[in-house]
């Protein structure tokens, strides 16, 4: 008799359920959810920008439930995330977008204000030198 079922259960990975499929989440707090394979007691979560998936921006280990909320830690734009039972193989990647339209407008305005401050500082520096 074969014992492939217990071995397969030990190798099973959690399945990301939200956010997936390009869903949009707010920048200030995103909740990640997944289904647990049989016997899994704790989980690891990894989140990265889609443009740099090899450089995680969030890594959480030893999560006791199938849900985790990440606050103020995501880069705006397309992202990807994975989950695994602690020490096991990572799930397939799930894609989402960090930042609602309102979030992205705030980011844009902050970037514009910073650029304006830099231009003014350079102009003032040139005026002082001249």
Protein backbone atom coordinates (compact mmCIF):
# COMPACT_ATOMS: atom_id res chain seq x y z
CA UNK A 1 0.00 0.00 0.00
CA UNK A 2 1.30 3.48 -0.89
CA UNK A 3 1.62 6.42 1.46
CA UNK A 4 1.47 9.08 -1.30
CA UNK A 5 -1.57 10.85 0.18
CA UNK A 6 0.14 11.87 3.45
CA UNK A 7 3.24 12.95 1.51
CA UNK A 8 1.12 14.94 -0.97
CA UNK A 9 -0.71 16.66 1.90
CA UNK A 10 2.63 17.59 3.47
CA UNK A 11 3.72 19.22 0.19
CA UNK A 12 0.41 20.97 -0.53
CA UNK A 13 0.64 24.73 -0.64
CA UNK A 14 -1.94 27.24 0.54
CA UNK A 15 -4.02 28.85 -2.21
CA UNK A 16 -4.23 32.67 -2.34
CA UNK A 17 -7.88 33.80 -2.39
CA UNK A 18 -7.68 37.60 -1.98
CA UNK A 19 -6.49 39.84 -3.45
CA UNK A 20 -6.09 38.00 -6.74
CA UNK A 21 -6.63 38.57 -10.44
CA UNK A 22 -5.50 42.19 -10.45
CA UNK A 23 -7.87 43.28 -7.66
CA UNK A 24 -7.23 46.82 -6.40
CA UNK A 25 -6.41 47.29 -2.70
CA UNK A 26 -5.86 50.51 -0.74
CA UNK A 27 -2.30 51.54 0.05
CA UNK A 28 -2.96 52.11 3.75
CA UNK A 29 -4.12 48.57 4.59
CA UNK A 30 -4.39 45.43 2.46
CA UNK A 31 -5.75 42.16 3.78
CA UNK A 32 -4.40 38.93 2.30
CA UNK A 33 -6.41 35.69 2.58
CA UNK A 34 -5.71 32.09 1.59
CA UNK A 35 -6.99 28.56 2.03
CA UNK A 36 -4.96 26.24 4.21
CA UNK A 37 -3.89 22.76 3.18
CA UNK A 38 -4.69 20.00 5.68
CA UNK A 39 -2.50 20.03 8.76
CA UNK A 40 -0.98 23.47 8.20
CA UNK A 41 -0.54 25.34 11.49
CA UNK A 42 1.31 28.50 10.50
CA UNK A 43 2.11 30.42 7.34
CA UNK A 44 4.62 32.76 5.72
CA UNK A 45 3.59 35.66 3.49
CA UNK A 46 5.71 37.47 0.91
CA UNK A 47 4.72 40.56 -1.12
CA UNK A 48 6.71 42.30 -3.87
CA UNK A 49 6.32 44.84 -6.61
CA UNK A 50 5.51 43.10 -9.90
CA UNK A 51 8.46 44.93 -11.46
CA UNK A 52 10.87 43.43 -8.88
CA UNK A 53 9.39 40.14 -7.61
CA UNK A 54 12.81 38.99 -6.41
CA UNK A 55 12.91 41.87 -3.87
CA UNK A 56 10.10 41.44 -1.33
CA UNK A 57 8.73 44.58 0.34
CA UNK A 58 6.86 42.54 2.96
CA UNK A 59 7.87 39.22 4.54
CA UNK A 60 5.89 37.85 7.45
CA UNK A 61 6.61 34.51 9.11
CA UNK A 62 4.76 32.29 11.54
CA UNK A 63 1.28 33.68 10.87
CA UNK A 64 -1.22 31.63 12.91
CA UNK A 65 -4.28 32.20 10.68
CA UNK A 66 -5.21 32.27 7.00
CA UNK A 67 -5.41 36.06 6.92
CA UNK A 68 -2.94 38.91 7.37
CA UNK A 69 -3.36 42.67 7.06
CA UNK A 70 -0.41 44.74 5.93
CA UNK A 71 -0.54 48.46 6.80
CA UNK A 72 1.33 51.24 4.98
CA UNK A 73 3.95 48.91 3.50
CA UNK A 74 3.00 48.46 -0.15
CA UNK A 75 4.46 50.21 -3.19
CA UNK A 76 1.84 51.75 -5.47
CA UNK A 77 1.08 49.86 -8.65
CA UNK A 78 1.09 46.21 -9.74
CA UNK A 79 2.21 43.77 -7.04
CA UNK A 80 2.46 40.04 -6.51
CA UNK A 81 2.21 37.88 -3.39
CA UNK A 82 2.84 34.32 -2.26
CA UNK A 83 2.00 32.29 0.80
CA UNK A 84 3.30 28.98 2.11
CA UNK A 85 2.85 26.73 5.09
CA UNK A 86 5.77 27.62 7.31
CA UNK A 87 8.91 26.11 5.78
CA UNK A 88 7.07 24.63 2.77
CA UNK A 89 7.06 25.56 -0.92
CA UNK A 90 5.56 28.89 -1.98
CA UNK A 91 2.16 29.07 -3.61
CA UNK A 92 1.69 30.21 -7.17
CA UNK A 93 1.95 34.01 -7.33
CA UNK A 94 -1.22 36.08 -7.04
CA UNK A 95 -1.37 39.48 -8.71
CA UNK A 96 -3.03 42.65 -7.41
CA UNK A 97 -2.75 46.42 -7.72
CA UNK A 98 -1.85 48.49 -4.67
CA UNK A 99 -3.52 51.86 -4.64
CA UNK A 100 -7.03 53.00 -5.42
CA UNK A 101 -7.46 55.92 -7.82
CA UNK A 102 -7.64 58.28 -4.81
CA UNK A 103 -4.47 56.75 -3.30
CA UNK A 104 -2.59 57.14 -6.57
CA UNK A 105 -3.71 60.77 -6.89
CA UNK A 106 -2.31 61.50 -3.41
CA UNK A 107 0.98 59.83 -4.37
CA UNK A 108 1.11 61.87 -7.60
CA UNK A 109 0.45 65.12 -5.73
CA UNK A 110 3.18 64.34 -3.17
CA UNK A 111 5.66 63.56 -5.95
CA UNK A 112 4.75 66.82 -7.74
CA UNK A 113 5.16 68.84 -4.54
CA UNK A 114 8.57 67.26 -3.89
CA UNK A 115 9.68 68.03 -7.47
CA UNK A 116 8.47 71.64 -7.09
CA UNK A 117 10.46 72.01 -3.84
CA UNK A 118 13.59 70.69 -5.59
CA UNK A 119 13.14 73.11 -8.52
CA UNK A 120 12.71 76.04 -6.12
CA UNK A 121 15.76 75.02 -4.09
CA UNK A 122 17.87 74.83 -7.26
CA UNK A 123 16.54 78.20 -8.45
CA UNK A 124 17.28 79.79 -5.08
CA UNK A 125 20.78 78.29 -5.06
CA UNK A 126 21.48 79.72 -8.54
CA UNK A 127 20.12 83.14 -7.46
CA UNK A 128 22.41 83.20 -4.41
CA UNK A 129 25.44 82.23 -6.53
CA UNK A 130 24.63 84.81 -9.23
